[in-house]
Amino acid sequence: MGFTYPAVAGAMQNDQRTFSAALASLQGTAANFAAHCIQDARVREQYLRDIQKMSAEFSRAVETGQMTPKEAATLASQMRNEILDLSRLRNSPVGKAYAEKLKPKGRTMSYLTDHYATKMFQQPFESLSEGQQASVFKEMVQSSGRDRGGVSGIAKTLGVAGKRVLFVSFAVAAYEIYEAEDKTTETMRQGAISAAGIAGGWGAGAAVVAAGVCAATAPVCVGVAAIVGGILASVGTDLLFGTMYVSPQGRN
């Protein structure tokens, strides 16, 4: 005539598992998104500090006669490209894909000289006088330390968003720990879920590029893979904890 107690208990247990998996997915996704955004914002900030310092040093070298404008411009161009490449090694997979879509590689010397010659004198670089060419080289040195406002604005916005989303992950973890009877085990579980979400997202984003599933310049494709990877890793970790530690049926 109705459900037996074991059936009701089983249904409640399934509901609890579903709820737990949903929370694990939310927390893992939040931690994954926050880690990507915060890391990429920090990388961009460090990149700007590095190129500004480099540009100032080369500008002083030209002013003091230690370098000619051409020598300084050539080295500044090379160093900016090197700093760019090194910065991208520290980007998240999604951040790296977005950066490479905007600028697949650093600008060449010939591109820069013609770009600034046209911008400053509306002529090809080879048509300029020696004095005009020196002015182009000086502008290149100064420009090597300038911020590309649009990219930095996006990075800053995402960094702020990442910090806000991180609070979601903290709030979920705090709620679960507060409600748990075994707070030590729950603290371990929450830490593992967040770590798995970050590692799973990072690993999945890198893996799809390495395997050729997503192009290195396809941030949307890499981003989807990172989100899915983070969810699977966090939910999988939650399930693993469920098999290793039997949680109490009731909560305070």
C-alpha atoms as a PDB file:
ATOM      1  CA  MET A   1       0.000   0.000   0.000  1.00  0.00           C
ATOM      2  CA  GLY A   2       2.584   2.665  -0.449  1.00  0.00           C
ATOM      3  CA  PHE A   3       6.325   3.030  -0.246  1.00  0.00           C
ATOM      4  CA  THR A   4       8.250   0.943   2.211  1.00  0.00           C
ATOM      5  CA  TYR A   5      10.730   2.608   4.503  1.00  0.00           C
ATOM      6  CA  PRO A   6      13.759   1.337   2.517  1.00  0.00           C
ATOM      7  CA  ALA A   7      12.279   2.786  -0.677  1.00  0.00           C
ATOM      8  CA  VAL A   8      11.707   6.161   0.965  1.00  0.00           C
ATOM      9  CA  ALA A   9      15.181   6.096   2.481  1.00  0.00           C
ATOM     10  CA  GLY A  10      16.667   5.223  -0.909  1.00  0.00           C
ATOM     11  CA  ALA A  11      14.809   8.056  -2.611  1.00  0.00           C
ATOM     12  CA  MET A  12      15.996  10.503   0.026  1.00  0.00           C
ATOM     13  CA  GLN A  13      19.552   9.258  -0.383  1.00  0.00           C
ATOM     14  CA  ASN A  14      19.347   9.724  -4.162  1.00  0.00           C
ATOM     15  CA  ASP A  15      17.987  13.233  -3.664  1.00  0.00           C
ATOM     16  CA  GLN A  16      20.830  13.991  -1.269  1.00  0.00           C
ATOM     17  CA  ARG A  17      23.378  12.727  -3.781  1.00  0.00           C
ATOM     18  CA  THR A  18      21.821  14.814  -6.548  1.00  0.00           C
ATOM     19  CA  PHE A  19      21.852  17.903  -4.337  1.00  0.00           C
ATOM     20  CA  SER A  20      25.442  17.225  -3.301  1.00  0.00           C
ATOM     21  CA  ALA A  21      26.532  16.770  -6.914  1.00  0.00           C
ATOM     22  CA  ALA A  22      24.788  20.012  -7.908  1.00  0.00           C
ATOM     23  CA  LEU A  23      26.551  21.935  -5.146  1.00  0.00           C
ATOM     24  CA  ALA A  24      29.876  20.321  -6.070  1.00  0.00           C
ATOM     25  CA  SER A  25      29.329  21.354  -9.690  1.00  0.00           C
ATOM     26  CA  LEU A  26      28.521  24.932  -8.657  1.00  0.00           C
ATOM     27  CA  GLN A  27      31.511  25.187  -6.357  1.00  0.00           C
ATOM     28  CA  GLY A  28      33.916  23.581  -8.821  1.00  0.00           C
ATOM     29  CA  THR A  29      32.731  25.841 -11.650  1.00  0.00           C
ATOM     30  CA  ALA A  30      32.998  28.950  -9.465  1.00  0.00           C
ATOM     31  CA  ALA A  31      36.492  28.048  -8.294  1.00  0.00           C
ATOM     32  CA  ASN A  32      37.543  27.187 -11.859  1.00  0.00           C
ATOM     33  CA  PHE A  33      36.188  30.437 -13.328  1.00  0.00           C
ATOM     34  CA  ALA A  34      37.675  32.516 -10.520  1.00  0.00           C
ATOM     35  CA  ALA A  35      41.094  30.914 -10.856  1.00  0.00           C
ATOM     36  CA  HIS A  36      41.184  31.556 -14.604  1.00  0.00           C
ATOM     37  CA  CYS A  37      40.058  35.187 -14.330  1.00  0.00           C
ATOM     38  CA  ILE A  38      42.224  36.130 -11.369  1.00  0.00           C
ATOM     39  CA  GLN A  39      45.320  34.480 -12.804  1.00  0.00           C
ATOM     40  CA  ASP A  40      44.920  36.113 -16.223  1.00  0.00           C
ATOM     41  CA  ALA A  41      44.373  39.542 -14.646  1.00  0.00           C
ATOM     42  CA  ARG A  42      47.533  39.138 -12.570  1.00  0.00           C
ATOM     43  CA  VAL A  43      49.519  38.032 -15.612  1.00  0.00           C
ATOM     44  CA  ARG A  44      48.367  41.084 -17.553  1.00  0.00           C
ATOM     45  CA  GLU A  45      49.270  43.417 -14.687  1.00  0.00           C
ATOM     46  CA  GLN A  46      52.750  41.912 -14.420  1.00  0.00           C
ATOM     47  CA  TYR A  47      53.199  42.110 -18.207  1.00  0.00           C
ATOM     48  CA  LEU A  48      52.388  45.835 -18.144  1.00  0.00           C
ATOM     49  CA  ARG A  49      54.829  46.460 -15.298  1.00  0.00           C
ATOM     50  CA  ASP A  50      57.564  44.594 -17.164  1.00  0.00           C
ATOM     51  CA  ILE A  51      57.154  46.399 -20.495  1.00  0.00           C
ATOM     52  CA  GLN A  52      56.857  49.820 -18.837  1.00  0.00           C
ATOM     53  CA  LYS A  53      60.079  49.231 -16.916  1.00  0.00           C
ATOM     54  CA  MET A  54      61.806  47.980 -20.041  1.00  0.00           C
ATOM     55  CA  SER A  55      60.655  50.977 -22.114  1.00  0.00           C
ATOM     56  CA  ALA A  56      61.851  53.448 -19.460  1.00  0.00           C
ATOM     57  CA  GLU A  57      65.294  51.824 -19.344  1.00  0.00           C
ATOM     58  CA  PHE A  58      65.722  51.993 -23.117  1.00  0.00           C
ATOM     59  CA  SER A  59      64.464  55.581 -23.231  1.00  0.00           C
ATOM     60  CA  ARG A  60      67.127  56.560 -20.663  1.00  0.00           C
ATOM     61  CA  ALA A  61      69.766  54.722 -22.677  1.00  0.00           C
ATOM     62  CA  VAL A  62      68.882  56.788 -25.750  1.00  0.00           C
ATOM     63  CA  GLU A  63      68.810  60.051 -23.795  1.00  0.00           C
ATOM     64  CA  THR A  64      72.246  59.392 -22.257  1.00  0.00           C
ATOM     65  CA  GLY A  65      73.758  58.318 -25.557  1.00  0.00           C
ATOM     66  CA  GLN A  66      74.367  54.729 -24.478  1.00  0.00           C
ATOM     67  CA  MET A  67      72.283  53.499 -27.408  1.00  0.00           C
ATOM     68  CA  THR A  68      71.194  54.870 -30.738  1.00  0.00           C
ATOM     69  CA  PRO A  69      67.443  55.157 -31.307  1.00  0.00           C
ATOM     70  CA  LYS A  70      67.614  52.261 -33.784  1.00  0.00           C
ATOM     71  CA  GLU A  71      69.473  49.985 -31.358  1.00  0.00           C
ATOM     72  CA  ALA A  72      67.033  50.774 -28.560  1.00  0.00           C
ATOM     73  CA  ALA A  73      63.982  50.295 -30.798  1.00  0.00           C
ATOM     74  CA  THR A  74      65.275  46.942 -32.058  1.00  0.00           C
ATOM     75  CA  LEU A  75      65.996  45.622 -28.571  1.00  0.00           C
ATOM     76  CA  ALA A  76      62.746  47.034 -27.173  1.00  0.00           C
ATOM     77  CA  SER A  77      60.777  45.241 -29.882  1.00  0.00           C
ATOM     78  CA  GLN A  78      62.569  41.961 -29.233  1.00  0.00           C
ATOM     79  CA  MET A  79      62.197  42.200 -25.471  1.00  0.00           C
ATOM     80  CA  ARG A  80      58.499  43.063 -25.635  1.00  0.00           C
ATOM     81  CA  ASN A  81      57.919  39.966 -27.756  1.00  0.00           C
ATOM     82  CA  GLU A  82      59.912  37.849 -25.294  1.00  0.00           C
ATOM     83  CA  ILE A  83      57.999  39.251 -22.324  1.00  0.00           C
ATOM     84  CA  LEU A  84      54.762  38.563 -24.203  1.00  0.00           C
ATOM     85  CA  ASP A  85      55.723  34.925 -24.827  1.00  0.00           C
ATOM     86  CA  LEU A  86      56.797  34.400 -21.221  1.00  0.00           C
ATOM     87  CA  SER A  87      53.584  35.972 -19.940  1.00  0.00           C
ATOM     88  CA  ARG A  88      51.472  33.640 -22.033  1.00  0.00           C
ATOM     89  CA  LEU A  89      53.138  30.648 -20.416  1.00  0.00           C
ATOM     90  CA  ARG A  90      51.520  31.786 -17.146  1.00  0.00           C
ATOM     91  CA  ASN A  91      48.086  32.437 -18.647  1.00  0.00           C
ATOM     92  CA  SER A  92      45.200  30.050 -18.135  1.00  0.00           C
ATOM     93  CA  PRO A  93      44.337  27.978 -21.253  1.00  0.00           C
ATOM     94  CA  VAL A  94      41.368  30.262 -21.965  1.00  0.00           C
ATOM     95  CA  GLY A  95      43.402  33.432 -21.427  1.00  0.00           C
ATOM     96  CA  LYS A  96      46.175  32.155 -23.665  1.00  0.00           C
ATOM     97  CA  ALA A  97      43.706  31.262 -26.436  1.00  0.00           C
ATOM     98  CA  TYR A  98      42.127  34.737 -26.227  1.00  0.00           C
ATOM     99  CA  ALA A  99      45.525  36.446 -26.279  1.00  0.00           C
ATOM    100  CA  GLU A 100      46.716  34.438 -29.276  1.00  0.00           C
ATOM    101  CA  LYS A 101      43.500  35.204 -31.137  1.00  0.00           C
ATOM    102  CA  LEU A 102      44.136  38.932 -30.664  1.00  0.00           C
ATOM    103  CA  LYS A 103      47.841  38.719 -31.434  1.00  0.00           C
ATOM    104  CA  PRO A 104      49.154  35.355 -32.689  1.00  0.00           C
ATOM    105  CA  LYS A 105      52.743  36.543 -32.332  1.00  0.00           C
ATOM    106  CA  GLY A 106      54.765  39.646 -31.528  1.00  0.00           C
ATOM    107  CA  ARG A 107      55.156  42.351 -34.176  1.00  0.00           C
ATOM    108  CA  THR A 108      58.225  42.262 -36.400  1.00  0.00           C
ATOM    109  CA  MET A 109      60.629  45.163 -36.687  1.00  0.00           C
ATOM    110  CA  SER A 110      59.663  45.848 -40.311  1.00  0.00           C
ATOM    111  CA  TYR A 111      55.987  45.920 -39.423  1.00  0.00           C
ATOM    112  CA  LEU A 112      56.551  48.348 -36.570  1.00  0.00           C
ATOM    113  CA  THR A 113      58.767  50.748 -38.493  1.00  0.00           C
ATOM    114  CA  ASP A 114      56.253  50.984 -41.362  1.00  0.00           C
ATOM    115  CA  HIS A 115      53.335  51.246 -38.935  1.00  0.00           C
ATOM    116  CA  TYR A 116      54.805  54.185 -37.021  1.00  0.00           C
ATOM    117  CA  ALA A 117      56.207  55.852 -40.149  1.00  0.00           C
ATOM    118  CA  THR A 118      52.741  55.855 -41.683  1.00  0.00           C
ATOM    119  CA  LYS A 119      51.176  56.995 -38.424  1.00  0.00           C
ATOM    120  CA  MET A 120      53.643  59.842 -37.851  1.00  0.00           C
ATOM    121  CA  PHE A 121      54.584  60.978 -41.383  1.00  0.00           C
ATOM    122  CA  GLN A 122      52.093  59.243 -43.705  1.00  0.00           C
ATOM    123  CA  GLN A 123      55.017  57.744 -45.629  1.00  0.00           C
ATOM    124  CA  PRO A 124      56.766  54.360 -45.854  1.00  0.00           C
ATOM    125  CA  PHE A 125      59.704  54.067 -43.472  1.00  0.00           C
ATOM    126  CA  GLU A 126      62.273  53.779 -46.279  1.00  0.00           C
ATOM    127  CA  SER A 127      61.119  57.125 -47.697  1.00  0.00           C
ATOM    128  CA  LEU A 128      61.846  59.031 -44.498  1.00  0.00           C
ATOM    129  CA  SER A 129      64.881  61.157 -43.812  1.00  0.00           C
ATOM    130  CA  GLU A 130      67.450  60.046 -41.258  1.00  0.00           C
ATOM    131  CA  GLY A 131      66.017  62.436 -38.676  1.00  0.00           C
ATOM    132  CA  GLN A 132      62.470  61.215 -39.287  1.00  0.00           C
ATOM    133  CA  GLN A 133      63.583  57.602 -38.982  1.00  0.00           C
ATOM    134  CA  ALA A 134      65.228  58.434 -35.663  1.00  0.00           C
ATOM    135  CA  SER A 135      61.912  59.923 -34.512  1.00  0.00           C
ATOM    136  CA  VAL A 136      60.140  56.709 -35.507  1.00  0.00           C
ATOM    137  CA  PHE A 137      62.638  54.635 -33.537  1.00  0.00           C
ATOM    138  CA  LYS A 138      62.146  56.829 -30.449  1.00  0.00           C
ATOM    139  CA  GLU A 139      58.394  56.512 -30.746  1.00  0.00           C
ATOM    140  CA  MET A 140      58.772  52.742 -30.986  1.00  0.00           C
ATOM    141  CA  VAL A 141      60.781  52.681 -27.759  1.00  0.00           C
ATOM    142  CA  GLN A 142      58.180  54.755 -25.923  1.00  0.00           C
ATOM    143  CA  SER A 143      55.292  52.780 -27.409  1.00  0.00           C
ATOM    144  CA  SER A 144      56.835  49.474 -26.329  1.00  0.00           C
ATOM    145  CA  GLY A 145      55.869  50.343 -22.763  1.00  0.00           C
ATOM    146  CA  ARG A 146      52.342  51.538 -23.449  1.00  0.00           C
ATOM    147  CA  ASP A 147      49.243  49.683 -22.424  1.00  0.00           C
ATOM    148  CA  ARG A 148      46.765  48.422 -24.986  1.00  0.00           C
ATOM    149  CA  GLY A 149      43.787  49.756 -23.046  1.00  0.00           C
ATOM    150  CA  GLY A 150      41.104  47.435 -24.410  1.00  0.00           C
ATOM    151  CA  VAL A 151      42.866  44.232 -23.430  1.00  0.00           C
ATOM    152  CA  SER A 152      43.856  45.494 -20.000  1.00  0.00           C
ATOM    153  CA  GLY A 153      40.321  46.710 -19.372  1.00  0.00           C
ATOM    154  CA  ILE A 154      38.949  43.250 -20.106  1.00  0.00           C
ATOM    155  CA  ALA A 155      41.594  41.615 -17.933  1.00  0.00           C
ATOM    156  CA  LYS A 156      40.853  43.957 -15.039  1.00  0.00           C
ATOM    157  CA  THR A 157      37.102  43.408 -15.342  1.00  0.00           C
ATOM    158  CA  LEU A 158      37.507  39.637 -15.401  1.00  0.00           C
ATOM    159  CA  GLY A 159      39.865  39.800 -12.447  1.00  0.00           C
ATOM    160  CA  VAL A 160      37.224  41.624 -10.414  1.00  0.00           C
ATOM    161  CA  ALA A 161      34.554  39.200 -11.619  1.00  0.00           C
ATOM    162  CA  GLY A 162      36.749  36.273 -10.654  1.00  0.00           C
ATOM    163  CA  LYS A 163      37.133  37.566  -7.119  1.00  0.00           C
ATOM    164  CA  ARG A 164      33.374  37.994  -6.795  1.00  0.00           C
ATOM    165  CA  VAL A 165      32.673  34.512  -8.109  1.00  0.00           C
ATOM    166  CA  LEU A 166      35.248  33.150  -5.688  1.00  0.00           C
ATOM    167  CA  PHE A 167      32.961  34.300  -2.884  1.00  0.00           C
ATOM    168  CA  VAL A 168      30.294  31.975  -4.308  1.00  0.00           C
ATOM    169  CA  SER A 169      32.654  29.046  -3.912  1.00  0.00           C
ATOM    170  CA  PHE A 170      33.558  30.155  -0.384  1.00  0.00           C
ATOM    171  CA  ALA A 171      29.886  30.597   0.515  1.00  0.00           C
ATOM    172  CA  VAL A 172      28.976  27.100  -0.681  1.00  0.00           C
ATOM    173  CA  ALA A 173      31.910  25.593   1.189  1.00  0.00           C
ATOM    174  CA  ALA A 174      31.123  27.514   4.362  1.00  0.00           C
ATOM    175  CA  TYR A 175      27.473  26.428   4.239  1.00  0.00           C
ATOM    176  CA  GLU A 176      28.352  22.781   3.745  1.00  0.00           C
ATOM    177  CA  ILE A 177      30.953  22.817   6.521  1.00  0.00           C
ATOM    178  CA  TYR A 178      28.561  24.592   8.899  1.00  0.00           C
ATOM    179  CA  GLU A 179      25.802  22.049   8.236  1.00  0.00           C
ATOM    180  CA  ALA A 180      28.024  18.973   8.425  1.00  0.00           C
ATOM    181  CA  GLU A 181      28.301  16.875  11.566  1.00  0.00           C
ATOM    182  CA  ASP A 182      31.876  15.834  10.702  1.00  0.00           C
ATOM    183  CA  LYS A 183      33.330  19.270   9.999  1.00  0.00           C
ATOM    184  CA  THR A 184      36.915  18.044   9.575  1.00  0.00           C
ATOM    185  CA  THR A 185      35.988  15.619   6.816  1.00  0.00           C
ATOM    186  CA  GLU A 186      33.690  18.176   5.190  1.00  0.00           C
ATOM    187  CA  THR A 187      36.470  20.767   5.178  1.00  0.00           C
ATOM    188  CA  MET A 188      38.724  18.265   3.402  1.00  0.00           C
ATOM    189  CA  ARG A 189      35.933  17.500   0.926  1.00  0.00           C
ATOM    190  CA  GLN A 190      35.296  21.152   0.115  1.00  0.00           C
ATOM    191  CA  GLY A 191      38.975  21.848  -0.417  1.00  0.00           C
ATOM    192  CA  ALA A 192      39.287  18.818  -2.686  1.00  0.00           C
ATOM    193  CA  ILE A 193      36.229  19.852  -4.749  1.00  0.00           C
ATOM    194  CA  SER A 194      37.589  23.365  -5.330  1.00  0.00           C
ATOM    195  CA  ALA A 195      41.064  22.088  -6.174  1.00  0.00           C
ATOM    196  CA  ALA A 196      39.611  19.477  -8.533  1.00  0.00           C
ATOM    197  CA  GLY A 197      37.471  22.090 -10.287  1.00  0.00           C
ATOM    198  CA  ILE A 198      40.495  24.297 -10.916  1.00  0.00           C
ATOM    199  CA  ALA A 199      42.824  21.462 -11.934  1.00  0.00           C
ATOM    200  CA  GLY A 200      40.158  19.808 -14.089  1.00  0.00           C
ATOM    201  CA  GLY A 201      39.356  23.031 -15.910  1.00  0.00           C
ATOM    202  CA  TRP A 202      43.000  23.919 -16.450  1.00  0.00           C
ATOM    203  CA  GLY A 203      43.879  20.414 -17.607  1.00  0.00           C
ATOM    204  CA  ALA A 204      40.906  20.074 -19.936  1.00  0.00           C
ATOM    205  CA  GLY A 205      41.563  23.464 -21.529  1.00  0.00           C
ATOM    206  CA  ALA A 206      45.191  22.577 -22.201  1.00  0.00           C
ATOM    207  CA  ALA A 207      44.339  19.055 -23.351  1.00  0.00           C
ATOM    208  CA  VAL A 208      41.860  20.041 -26.069  1.00  0.00           C
ATOM    209  CA  VAL A 209      44.454  22.375 -27.595  1.00  0.00           C
ATOM    210  CA  ALA A 210      47.216  19.768 -27.387  1.00  0.00           C
ATOM    211  CA  ALA A 211      44.945  17.122 -28.940  1.00  0.00           C
ATOM    212  CA  GLY A 212      43.861  19.447 -31.741  1.00  0.00           C
ATOM    213  CA  VAL A 213      40.199  19.428 -30.675  1.00  0.00           C
ATOM    214  CA  CYS A 214      40.291  23.211 -30.256  1.00  0.00           C
ATOM    215  CA  ALA A 215      42.533  25.643 -32.067  1.00  0.00           C
ATOM    216  CA  ALA A 216      45.019  27.553 -29.924  1.00  0.00           C
ATOM    217  CA  THR A 217      43.215  30.742 -30.988  1.00  0.00           C
ATOM    218  CA  ALA A 218      39.676  29.549 -30.117  1.00  0.00           C
ATOM    219  CA  PRO A 219      38.894  30.886 -26.615  1.00  0.00           C
ATOM    220  CA  VAL A 220      35.217  29.849 -26.736  1.00  0.00           C
ATOM    221  CA  CYS A 221      36.043  26.220 -27.551  1.00  0.00           C
ATOM    222  CA  VAL A 222      38.785  26.117 -24.917  1.00  0.00           C
ATOM    223  CA  GLY A 223      36.507  27.826 -22.416  1.00  0.00           C
ATOM    224  CA  VAL A 224      33.718  25.288 -22.864  1.00  0.00           C
ATOM    225  CA  ALA A 225      36.190  22.455 -22.428  1.00  0.00           C
ATOM    226  CA  ALA A 226      37.580  24.082 -19.284  1.00  0.00           C
ATOM    227  CA  ILE A 227      34.112  24.481 -17.761  1.00  0.00           C
ATOM    228  CA  VAL A 228      33.108  20.899 -18.567  1.00  0.00           C
ATOM    229  CA  GLY A 229      36.432  19.592 -17.297  1.00  0.00           C
ATOM    230  CA  GLY A 230      36.043  21.520 -14.062  1.00  0.00           C
ATOM    231  CA  ILE A 231      32.494  20.232 -13.506  1.00  0.00           C
ATOM    232  CA  LEU A 232      33.421  16.608 -14.180  1.00  0.00           C
ATOM    233  CA  ALA A 233      36.443  16.819 -11.900  1.00  0.00           C
ATOM    234  CA  SER A 234      34.560  18.465  -9.035  1.00  0.00           C
ATOM    235  CA  VAL A 235      31.559  16.119  -9.228  1.00  0.00           C
ATOM    236  CA  GLY A 236      33.880  13.129  -9.552  1.00  0.00           C
ATOM    237  CA  THR A 237      35.765  14.232  -6.454  1.00  0.00           C
ATOM    238  CA  ASP A 238      32.486  14.629  -4.576  1.00  0.00           C
ATOM    239  CA  LEU A 239      31.461  11.096  -5.551  1.00  0.00           C
ATOM    240  CA  LEU A 240      34.872   9.770  -4.545  1.00  0.00           C
ATOM    241  CA  PHE A 241      34.514  11.325  -1.115  1.00  0.00           C
ATOM    242  CA  GLY A 242      31.057   9.773  -0.877  1.00  0.00           C
ATOM    243  CA  THR A 243      32.552   6.306  -1.303  1.00  0.00           C
ATOM    244  CA  MET A 244      35.476   6.930   1.033  1.00  0.00           C
ATOM    245  CA  TYR A 245      33.551   8.645   3.848  1.00  0.00           C
ATOM    246  CA  VAL A 246      30.031   7.766   4.805  1.00  0.00           C
ATOM    247  CA  SER A 247      28.299  11.007   5.732  1.00  0.00           C
ATOM    248  CA  PRO A 248      25.714  11.076   8.494  1.00  0.00           C
ATOM    249  CA  GLN A 249      22.108  10.821   7.333  1.00  0.00           C
ATOM    250  CA  GLY A 250      21.018  13.898   9.226  1.00  0.00           C
ATOM    251  CA  ARG A 251      22.432  17.335   9.641  1.00  0.00           C
ATOM    252  CA  ASN A 252      22.085  19.828  12.405  1.00  0.00           C
END
